[in-house]
Structures are given as structure tokens and as C-alpha cells.
Amino acid sequence: MAPVRPRRSDVAATPRIVTLIRQFPLSGYRRGRRLGPKISRGLHGRARMTPMDNLYLVLKTLHVVAVIAWMAGLLYLFRLFVYHGTETEPVVRTRLVEWERRLYTYIANPAMAATWLLGLGMTAVQPGLWQQPWLHAKVALVVLMTGVHHAALPLRRRLAADAAVPSDVRLRILNEVPTLLMIGIVALVILKPWAR
């Protein structure tokens, strides 16, 4: 079956806003620098992407999944620290020690490693991203998040050994640090301030 081509009268009736959107897309190129996958038009106006663009999108999808797992692990881990710091029952404290160990070892650590590897893979596929100042700020916040992640290990060990731990108030403040860093990272990724 032959493709249906628009009639000249249909083209003339296209609303002005649709014409403007087609002329000035919100993604793609800004000031001549590539921000995302370049979408070219194939037969019949369908979007066609290169294999590298497809790889970038696959890496991006897996990166988002890894970030979600890492944040879930970190947020829950620090919440468990708050519960552990206020708990007095020995049986519950023993159970919390095991939960914290499993969460840190089997969820948060692999998710952090996957987040870093996939993020670096995305920048390897799209090296032009390193020219974006917002990415530099995001990486700085991710480095701080990694520091918070690694700071949880000695705290987890002290809680497991029933050694001196920070007060309940300090544990609650520490519980909010990953949340604030995550808000900053998400804002930078979505808003892309200082984009070139």
C-alpha cells in the first residue's frame, strides 16, 4: 500500500504553532552543540537514530534504574540507623544489624558501582556532555553522595559493635543529607542550568 501524502490544502491548514515547534525543537542542538541523540528523518518522516544513539538511550535507562536502587538503599539505610540508634531491645538491634549489612552490601554498593559505570559509559558515548557546566556540578554532587555512602560504613560498624554512636538528632540530620543531594542532582539533570 502506497503511503498517503498530505494534500497541499492540508499543509496550508497546519496551525502556526505546529510549524513553529517543527522549526524550533526544544531538544537536539543549542548553539551548535549536541545535547542528546540526533534524530534524523527517514522515509515517511519517521525518526531514525544511529546505533550509538540507541546505545546512549539504553545506558541512560539502566543508569536511571541504578540511581533509583542506590537512592532507595541509601535512604533506607540511614533510616535504619535512626531506628537502630533509638532501639533498646537486643533482639531487634541484632535484626537491624543484619538488615543494615545486607542493604549496604547487596543493594547500595552494587547500585552505586552500576550508577558510576553507566554514567561514565554515557559520557563515553556522548563525549560532548563533558562540555556542559551542569554536568560538572552534577558530578561534584555525585562525588559528595559517594562520600556519604562510604561514610555510612564506619557508622554501620559502630552500630553493630554497640560502640559510641552519634545522638538521635545527628542521625536524623544525617538521614536528610542523601535526600538533599539527590534533589540537587535531579534539579541539575532536568533543568540543565548553564547549558551550552
Protein backbone atom coordinates (compact mmCIF):
# COMPACT_ATOMS: atom_id res chain seq x y z
CA MET A 1 0.00 0.00 0.00
CA ALA A 2 1.42 3.34 -1.01
CA PRO A 3 1.96 5.96 1.71
CA VAL A 4 -0.61 8.70 1.95
CA ARG A 5 0.93 12.05 1.16
CA PRO A 6 -0.61 15.17 2.60
CA ARG A 7 -2.54 17.32 0.19
CA ARG A 8 -1.45 20.86 -0.36
CA SER A 9 -4.62 22.12 1.32
CA ASP A 10 -3.74 20.09 4.47
CA VAL A 11 -0.26 21.62 4.61
CA ALA A 12 -1.69 25.10 4.27
CA ALA A 13 -4.13 24.38 7.10
CA THR A 14 -1.36 23.38 9.56
CA PRO A 15 -1.65 25.59 12.62
CA ARG A 16 1.08 28.18 13.07
CA ILE A 17 2.17 26.74 16.42
CA VAL A 18 2.90 23.32 14.87
CA THR A 19 5.04 25.00 12.25
CA LEU A 20 6.97 26.88 14.95
CA ILE A 21 7.51 23.73 17.01
CA ARG A 22 8.91 21.95 13.98
CA GLN A 23 11.25 24.86 13.24
CA PHE A 24 12.49 25.31 16.81
CA PRO A 25 12.60 21.99 18.69
CA LEU A 26 13.28 22.14 22.43
CA SER A 27 15.90 19.39 22.33
CA GLY A 28 18.65 18.47 19.95
CA TYR A 29 21.02 21.34 19.33
CA ARG A 30 21.63 24.54 21.24
CA ARG A 31 24.19 26.96 19.92
CA GLY A 32 25.55 24.27 17.64
CA ARG A 33 26.45 21.78 20.39
CA ARG A 34 24.81 18.41 20.66
CA LEU A 35 22.78 17.80 23.84
CA GLY A 36 21.15 14.49 23.13
CA PRO A 37 20.64 11.88 20.45
CA LYS A 38 20.48 13.30 16.95
CA ILE A 39 17.26 12.19 15.37
CA SER A 40 17.25 12.17 11.60
CA ARG A 41 14.19 11.71 9.46
CA GLY A 42 13.91 8.61 7.32
CA LEU A 43 11.25 7.55 4.89
CA HIS A 44 7.82 9.00 5.55
CA GLY A 45 9.13 11.33 8.26
CA ARG A 46 9.73 8.61 10.87
CA ALA A 47 12.50 9.18 13.40
CA ARG A 48 15.69 7.22 12.72
CA MET A 49 18.55 7.00 15.20
CA THR A 50 22.08 5.72 14.86
CA PRO A 51 23.30 2.65 16.82
CA MET A 52 25.35 4.95 19.09
CA ASP A 53 22.20 6.94 19.89
CA ASN A 54 20.41 3.71 20.76
CA LEU A 55 23.34 2.66 22.97
CA TYR A 56 23.21 6.03 24.74
CA LEU A 57 19.50 5.62 25.46
CA VAL A 58 20.00 2.06 26.76
CA LEU A 59 22.82 3.24 29.04
CA LYS A 60 20.67 6.16 30.21
CA THR A 61 17.77 3.84 31.05
CA LEU A 62 19.99 1.48 33.03
CA HIS A 63 21.66 4.47 34.73
CA VAL A 64 18.29 5.76 35.95
CA VAL A 65 17.37 2.30 37.29
CA ALA A 66 20.73 2.05 39.11
CA VAL A 67 20.28 5.54 40.59
CA ILE A 68 16.82 4.61 41.88
CA ALA A 69 18.22 1.46 43.52
CA TRP A 70 21.15 3.39 45.03
CA MET A 71 18.93 6.12 46.44
CA ALA A 72 16.45 3.59 47.83
CA GLY A 73 19.33 1.77 49.53
CA LEU A 74 20.90 4.92 50.97
CA LEU A 75 17.66 6.48 52.16
CA TYR A 76 16.52 3.27 53.83
CA LEU A 77 19.98 2.61 55.32
CA PHE A 78 20.09 5.96 57.09
CA ARG A 79 16.50 5.47 58.28
CA LEU A 80 17.58 2.10 59.76
CA PHE A 81 20.44 3.91 61.51
CA VAL A 82 17.89 6.22 63.17
CA TYR A 83 15.82 3.23 64.31
CA HIS A 84 18.95 1.41 65.48
CA GLY A 85 20.15 4.39 67.49
CA THR A 86 16.88 4.61 69.42
CA GLU A 87 16.23 0.85 69.85
CA THR A 88 16.82 -0.79 73.23
CA GLU A 89 15.68 -4.39 72.64
CA PRO A 90 18.71 -6.67 71.95
CA VAL A 91 16.78 -8.94 69.60
CA VAL A 92 15.62 -6.02 67.45
CA ARG A 93 19.10 -4.48 67.46
CA THR A 94 20.56 -7.79 66.20
CA ARG A 95 17.97 -7.90 63.44
CA LEU A 96 18.71 -4.27 62.47
CA VAL A 97 22.45 -5.06 62.25
CA GLU A 98 21.72 -7.84 59.77
CA TRP A 99 19.33 -5.69 57.71
CA GLU A 100 21.88 -2.86 57.56
CA ARG A 101 24.64 -5.25 56.47
CA ARG A 102 22.54 -6.78 53.72
CA LEU A 103 21.23 -3.44 52.50
CA TYR A 104 24.70 -1.90 52.33
CA THR A 105 26.44 -4.94 50.85
CA TYR A 106 23.87 -6.34 48.43
CA ILE A 107 21.85 -3.30 47.31
CA ALA A 108 23.60 0.02 47.91
CA ASN A 109 27.16 -0.98 46.93
CA PRO A 110 26.30 -2.67 43.60
CA ALA A 111 23.83 0.09 42.73
CA MET A 112 26.47 2.77 43.39
CA ALA A 113 29.02 0.94 41.22
CA ALA A 114 26.46 0.49 38.43
CA THR A 115 25.49 4.17 38.64
CA TRP A 116 29.10 5.27 38.21
CA LEU A 117 29.90 2.79 35.43
CA LEU A 118 26.75 3.55 33.44
CA GLY A 119 27.18 7.31 33.91
CA LEU A 120 30.76 7.14 32.66
CA GLY A 121 29.57 4.92 29.80
CA MET A 122 27.04 7.58 28.80
CA THR A 123 29.76 10.21 28.69
CA ALA A 124 31.97 7.88 26.66
CA VAL A 125 29.22 7.50 24.06
CA GLN A 126 28.41 11.25 24.12
CA PRO A 127 31.74 12.94 25.00
CA GLY A 128 30.24 16.35 24.24
CA LEU A 129 28.44 16.14 27.58
CA TRP A 130 31.71 16.97 29.37
CA GLN A 131 31.48 20.46 27.86
CA GLN A 132 28.31 21.15 29.83
CA PRO A 133 28.84 23.03 33.13
CA TRP A 134 25.72 21.47 34.65
CA LEU A 135 27.34 18.04 34.27
CA HIS A 136 30.38 19.23 36.22
CA ALA A 137 28.11 20.38 39.05
CA LYS A 138 26.19 17.09 38.92
CA VAL A 139 29.39 15.04 39.11
CA ALA A 140 30.51 17.12 42.12
CA LEU A 141 27.24 16.31 43.90
CA VAL A 142 27.54 12.63 42.95
CA VAL A 143 31.07 12.60 44.43
CA LEU A 144 29.60 14.03 47.65
CA MET A 145 26.86 11.36 47.55
CA THR A 146 29.55 8.70 47.16
CA GLY A 147 31.32 10.18 50.18
CA VAL A 148 28.10 9.95 52.19
CA HIS A 149 27.73 6.35 51.02
CA HIS A 150 31.23 5.45 52.21
CA ALA A 151 30.75 7.37 55.48
CA ALA A 152 27.85 5.03 56.26
CA LEU A 153 30.17 2.01 56.52
CA PRO A 154 32.04 3.04 59.71
CA LEU A 155 28.75 4.19 61.21
CA ARG A 156 27.18 0.82 60.41
CA ARG A 157 30.14 -0.98 62.02
CA ARG A 158 29.95 1.16 65.17
CA LEU A 159 26.22 0.49 65.46
CA ALA A 160 26.85 -3.25 65.00
CA ALA A 161 29.52 -3.24 67.74
CA ASP A 162 27.31 -1.18 70.11
CA ALA A 163 30.09 1.41 70.26
CA ALA A 164 29.55 5.12 70.79
CA VAL A 165 27.30 6.44 68.03
CA PRO A 166 26.03 9.91 67.18
CA SER A 167 22.98 11.17 69.00
CA ASP A 168 19.46 10.61 67.75
CA VAL A 169 19.31 14.19 66.44
CA ARG A 170 22.57 13.82 64.49
CA LEU A 171 21.38 10.54 62.99
CA ARG A 172 18.16 12.24 61.85
CA ILE A 173 20.17 15.07 60.27
CA LEU A 174 22.42 12.53 58.52
CA ASN A 175 19.25 10.87 57.25
CA GLU A 176 18.39 14.04 55.30
CA VAL A 177 21.79 14.54 53.62
CA PRO A 178 21.27 11.98 50.81
CA THR A 179 17.81 13.46 50.15
CA LEU A 180 19.17 16.99 49.75
CA LEU A 181 21.98 15.81 47.48
CA MET A 182 19.51 13.81 45.39
CA ILE A 183 17.26 16.88 44.97
CA GLY A 184 20.25 18.89 43.74
CA ILE A 185 21.32 16.18 41.30
CA VAL A 186 17.82 15.75 39.87
CA ALA A 187 17.38 19.52 39.51
CA LEU A 188 20.67 19.79 37.59
CA VAL A 189 19.78 16.91 35.26
CA ILE A 190 16.27 18.13 34.50
CA LEU A 191 16.81 21.91 34.36
CA LYS A 192 20.33 21.79 32.84
CA PRO A 193 21.33 25.28 34.01
CA TRP A 194 24.24 26.87 32.19
CA ALA A 195 23.68 24.56 29.18
CA ARG A 196 25.78 25.49 26.19
